[in-house]
Amino acid sequence: QVQLVESGGGLVQPGGSLRLSCAASGTIPSISTMGWYRQAPGKERELVATISSGGSTNYADSVKGRFTISRDNAKNTVYLQMNSLKPEDTAVYYCNARNPPVFRSKYDYWGQGTQVTVSS
């Protein structure tokens, strides 16, 4: 049984920073691709950032240069450092873990989400 639990969300003023954490309660293969997604009310869930087991990262254009994704395999945790936050970053942020294409086994785990609100 694998569970992903996000934390670190909250209310922050524009230009501020937050650090999100996602901890796995069960064992996730270190080869997993980890990611952060977000969803605003009435909108589709969108990719924010992903990080491979080798540390390769991908970011949405909207967050590139402001957000940094990282992982600590020993702690089974993935992080999202969010700087220079904008009101349009307001959303529920979800953690994701899934198998890379080269992995035989397929899986796709999601956390319950943590609210990030950027407002004055």
C-alpha atoms as a PDB file:
ATOM      1  CA  GLN A   1       0.000   0.000   0.000  1.00  0.00           C
ATOM      2  CA  VAL A   2       1.450   3.313  -1.133  1.00  0.00           C
ATOM      3  CA  GLN A   3       0.188   6.683  -0.008  1.00  0.00           C
ATOM      4  CA  LEU A   4       1.479  10.111  -0.962  1.00  0.00           C
ATOM      5  CA  VAL A   5       0.886  12.892   1.531  1.00  0.00           C
ATOM      6  CA  GLU A   6       1.460  16.514   0.561  1.00  0.00           C
ATOM      7  CA  SER A   7       2.226  19.273   3.024  1.00  0.00           C
ATOM      8  CA  GLY A   8       3.477  22.839   3.068  1.00  0.00           C
ATOM      9  CA  GLY A   9       0.613  24.602   1.364  1.00  0.00           C
ATOM     10  CA  GLY A  10      -0.949  27.747   2.685  1.00  0.00           C
ATOM     11  CA  LEU A  11      -1.619  31.415   2.104  1.00  0.00           C
ATOM     12  CA  VAL A  12       1.190  33.596   0.841  1.00  0.00           C
ATOM     13  CA  GLN A  13       1.436  37.095  -0.606  1.00  0.00           C
ATOM     14  CA  PRO A  14       2.492  37.665  -4.208  1.00  0.00           C
ATOM     15  CA  GLY A  15       6.255  37.464  -4.468  1.00  0.00           C
ATOM     16  CA  GLY A  16       6.482  35.142  -1.512  1.00  0.00           C
ATOM     17  CA  SER A  17       7.713  31.581  -1.265  1.00  0.00           C
ATOM     18  CA  LEU A  18       6.449  28.195  -0.175  1.00  0.00           C
ATOM     19  CA  ARG A  19       8.021  24.781  -0.046  1.00  0.00           C
ATOM     20  CA  LEU A  20       5.805  21.790  -0.659  1.00  0.00           C
ATOM     21  CA  SER A  21       6.721  18.316   0.491  1.00  0.00           C
ATOM     22  CA  CYS A  22       5.349  14.960  -0.541  1.00  0.00           C
ATOM     23  CA  ALA A  23       6.162  11.976   1.619  1.00  0.00           C
ATOM     24  CA  ALA A  24       5.401   8.389   0.723  1.00  0.00           C
ATOM     25  CA  SER A  25       3.986   6.260   3.507  1.00  0.00           C
ATOM     26  CA  GLY A  26       4.942   3.139   1.619  1.00  0.00           C
ATOM     27  CA  THR A  27       7.876   2.113  -0.486  1.00  0.00           C
ATOM     28  CA  ILE A  28       8.075   3.629  -3.942  1.00  0.00           C
ATOM     29  CA  PRO A  29      10.711   2.378  -6.358  1.00  0.00           C
ATOM     30  CA  SER A  30      13.581   4.817  -6.603  1.00  0.00           C
ATOM     31  CA  ILE A  31      13.245   4.592 -10.363  1.00  0.00           C
ATOM     32  CA  SER A  32       9.877   6.329 -10.161  1.00  0.00           C
ATOM     33  CA  THR A  33       9.242   9.558 -11.952  1.00  0.00           C
ATOM     34  CA  MET A  34       7.950  12.052  -9.403  1.00  0.00           C
ATOM     35  CA  GLY A  35       5.901  15.082 -10.225  1.00  0.00           C
ATOM     36  CA  TRP A  36       3.783  17.944  -9.058  1.00  0.00           C
ATOM     37  CA  TYR A  37       0.513  18.879 -10.687  1.00  0.00           C
ATOM     38  CA  ARG A  38      -1.981  21.555  -9.827  1.00  0.00           C
ATOM     39  CA  GLN A  39      -5.638  22.226 -10.376  1.00  0.00           C
ATOM     40  CA  ALA A  40      -7.551  25.446  -9.936  1.00  0.00           C
ATOM     41  CA  PRO A  41     -11.346  25.412  -9.499  1.00  0.00           C
ATOM     42  CA  GLY A  42     -13.087  24.779 -12.806  1.00  0.00           C
ATOM     43  CA  LYS A  43      -9.828  24.092 -14.602  1.00  0.00           C
ATOM     44  CA  GLU A  44      -8.003  21.002 -15.799  1.00  0.00           C
ATOM     45  CA  ARG A  45      -5.235  19.517 -13.744  1.00  0.00           C
ATOM     46  CA  GLU A  46      -1.939  20.623 -15.227  1.00  0.00           C
ATOM     47  CA  LEU A  47       1.668  19.588 -15.001  1.00  0.00           C
ATOM     48  CA  VAL A  48       3.885  21.780 -12.852  1.00  0.00           C
ATOM     49  CA  ALA A  49       7.144  19.850 -12.735  1.00  0.00           C
ATOM     50  CA  THR A  50       8.557  16.343 -12.923  1.00  0.00           C
ATOM     51  CA  ILE A  51      11.822  14.778 -11.878  1.00  0.00           C
ATOM     52  CA  SER A  52      13.236  11.453 -12.999  1.00  0.00           C
ATOM     53  CA  SER A  53      15.191   9.002 -10.892  1.00  0.00           C
ATOM     54  CA  GLY A  54      18.344  10.405 -12.460  1.00  0.00           C
ATOM     55  CA  GLY A  55      17.459  13.954 -11.511  1.00  0.00           C
ATOM     56  CA  SER A  56      16.333  15.206 -14.906  1.00  0.00           C
ATOM     57  CA  THR A  57      13.640  17.828 -14.522  1.00  0.00           C
ATOM     58  CA  ASN A  58      10.863  19.276 -16.609  1.00  0.00           C
ATOM     59  CA  TYR A  59       8.860  22.379 -15.808  1.00  0.00           C
ATOM     60  CA  ALA A  60       5.794  24.041 -17.145  1.00  0.00           C
ATOM     61  CA  ASP A  61       6.700  27.259 -18.917  1.00  0.00           C
ATOM     62  CA  SER A  62       4.571  29.180 -16.449  1.00  0.00           C
ATOM     63  CA  VAL A  63       6.759  28.172 -13.494  1.00  0.00           C
ATOM     64  CA  LYS A  64      10.164  27.822 -15.112  1.00  0.00           C
ATOM     65  CA  GLY A  65      12.770  29.866 -13.290  1.00  0.00           C
ATOM     66  CA  ARG A  66      10.567  30.261 -10.225  1.00  0.00           C
ATOM     67  CA  PHE A  67       9.909  26.695  -9.063  1.00  0.00           C
ATOM     68  CA  THR A  68      12.412  23.954  -8.304  1.00  0.00           C
ATOM     69  CA  ILE A  69      11.566  20.284  -7.938  1.00  0.00           C
ATOM     70  CA  SER A  70      13.867  17.971  -6.034  1.00  0.00           C
ATOM     71  CA  ARG A  71      13.781  14.545  -4.453  1.00  0.00           C
ATOM     72  CA  ASP A  72      15.347  12.689  -1.577  1.00  0.00           C
ATOM     73  CA  ASN A  73      15.112   8.983  -2.265  1.00  0.00           C
ATOM     74  CA  ALA A  74      16.421   8.074   1.181  1.00  0.00           C
ATOM     75  CA  LYS A  75      13.458   9.901   2.699  1.00  0.00           C
ATOM     76  CA  ASN A  76      11.068   8.804  -0.041  1.00  0.00           C
ATOM     77  CA  THR A  77      10.133  12.441  -0.446  1.00  0.00           C
ATOM     78  CA  VAL A  78       9.778  14.918  -3.273  1.00  0.00           C
ATOM     79  CA  TYR A  79       9.811  18.689  -2.832  1.00  0.00           C
ATOM     80  CA  LEU A  80       8.652  21.714  -4.735  1.00  0.00           C
ATOM     81  CA  GLN A  81      10.289  25.017  -3.856  1.00  0.00           C
ATOM     82  CA  MET A  82       8.089  27.827  -5.104  1.00  0.00           C
ATOM     83  CA  ASN A  83       9.510  31.330  -5.293  1.00  0.00           C
ATOM     84  CA  SER A  84       8.180  34.587  -6.685  1.00  0.00           C
ATOM     85  CA  LEU A  85       4.660  33.290  -6.349  1.00  0.00           C
ATOM     86  CA  LYS A  86       1.908  34.869  -8.392  1.00  0.00           C
ATOM     87  CA  PRO A  87      -1.871  34.895  -7.885  1.00  0.00           C
ATOM     88  CA  GLU A  88      -2.201  32.626 -10.912  1.00  0.00           C
ATOM     89  CA  ASP A  89      -0.257  29.966  -9.003  1.00  0.00           C
ATOM     90  CA  THR A  90      -3.256  29.548  -6.722  1.00  0.00           C
ATOM     91  CA  ALA A  91      -4.424  25.945  -6.940  1.00  0.00           C
ATOM     92  CA  VAL A  92      -4.515  22.614  -5.205  1.00  0.00           C
ATOM     93  CA  TYR A  93      -1.136  20.998  -5.714  1.00  0.00           C
ATOM     94  CA  TYR A  94      -0.943  17.239  -6.120  1.00  0.00           C
ATOM     95  CA  CYS A  95       2.008  14.928  -5.810  1.00  0.00           C
ATOM     96  CA  ASN A  96       2.418  12.093  -8.284  1.00  0.00           C
ATOM     97  CA  ALA A  97       4.621   9.033  -8.600  1.00  0.00           C
ATOM     98  CA  ARG A  98       4.607   6.783 -11.616  1.00  0.00           C
ATOM     99  CA  ASN A  99       6.720   4.275 -13.426  1.00  0.00           C
ATOM    100  CA  PRO A 100       9.136   5.398 -16.112  1.00  0.00           C
ATOM    101  CA  PRO A 101       8.547   3.933 -19.589  1.00  0.00           C
ATOM    102  CA  VAL A 102      11.464   1.509 -19.240  1.00  0.00           C
ATOM    103  CA  PHE A 103      10.060  -0.058 -16.089  1.00  0.00           C
ATOM    104  CA  ARG A 104       8.129  -3.303 -16.516  1.00  0.00           C
ATOM    105  CA  SER A 105       5.592  -2.620 -13.806  1.00  0.00           C
ATOM    106  CA  LYS A 106       3.032   0.132 -14.277  1.00  0.00           C
ATOM    107  CA  TYR A 107       1.694   2.255 -11.447  1.00  0.00           C
ATOM    108  CA  ASP A 108       0.362   5.751 -10.890  1.00  0.00           C
ATOM    109  CA  TYR A 109       0.007   7.120  -7.379  1.00  0.00           C
ATOM    110  CA  TRP A 110      -1.530  10.427  -6.353  1.00  0.00           C
ATOM    111  CA  GLY A 111      -1.691  12.401  -3.161  1.00  0.00           C
ATOM    112  CA  GLN A 112      -4.804  14.146  -1.885  1.00  0.00           C
ATOM    113  CA  GLY A 113      -3.459  17.608  -2.577  1.00  0.00           C
ATOM    114  CA  THR A 114      -2.469  20.686  -0.632  1.00  0.00           C
ATOM    115  CA  GLN A 115      -3.967  24.135  -1.146  1.00  0.00           C
ATOM    116  CA  VAL A 116      -1.742  26.999  -2.226  1.00  0.00           C
ATOM    117  CA  THR A 117      -3.297  30.442  -2.232  1.00  0.00           C
ATOM    118  CA  VAL A 118      -1.380  33.484  -3.449  1.00  0.00           C
ATOM    119  CA  SER A 119      -3.201  36.657  -2.547  1.00  0.00           C
ATOM    120  CA  SER A 120      -2.733  40.059  -0.963  1.00  0.00           C
END
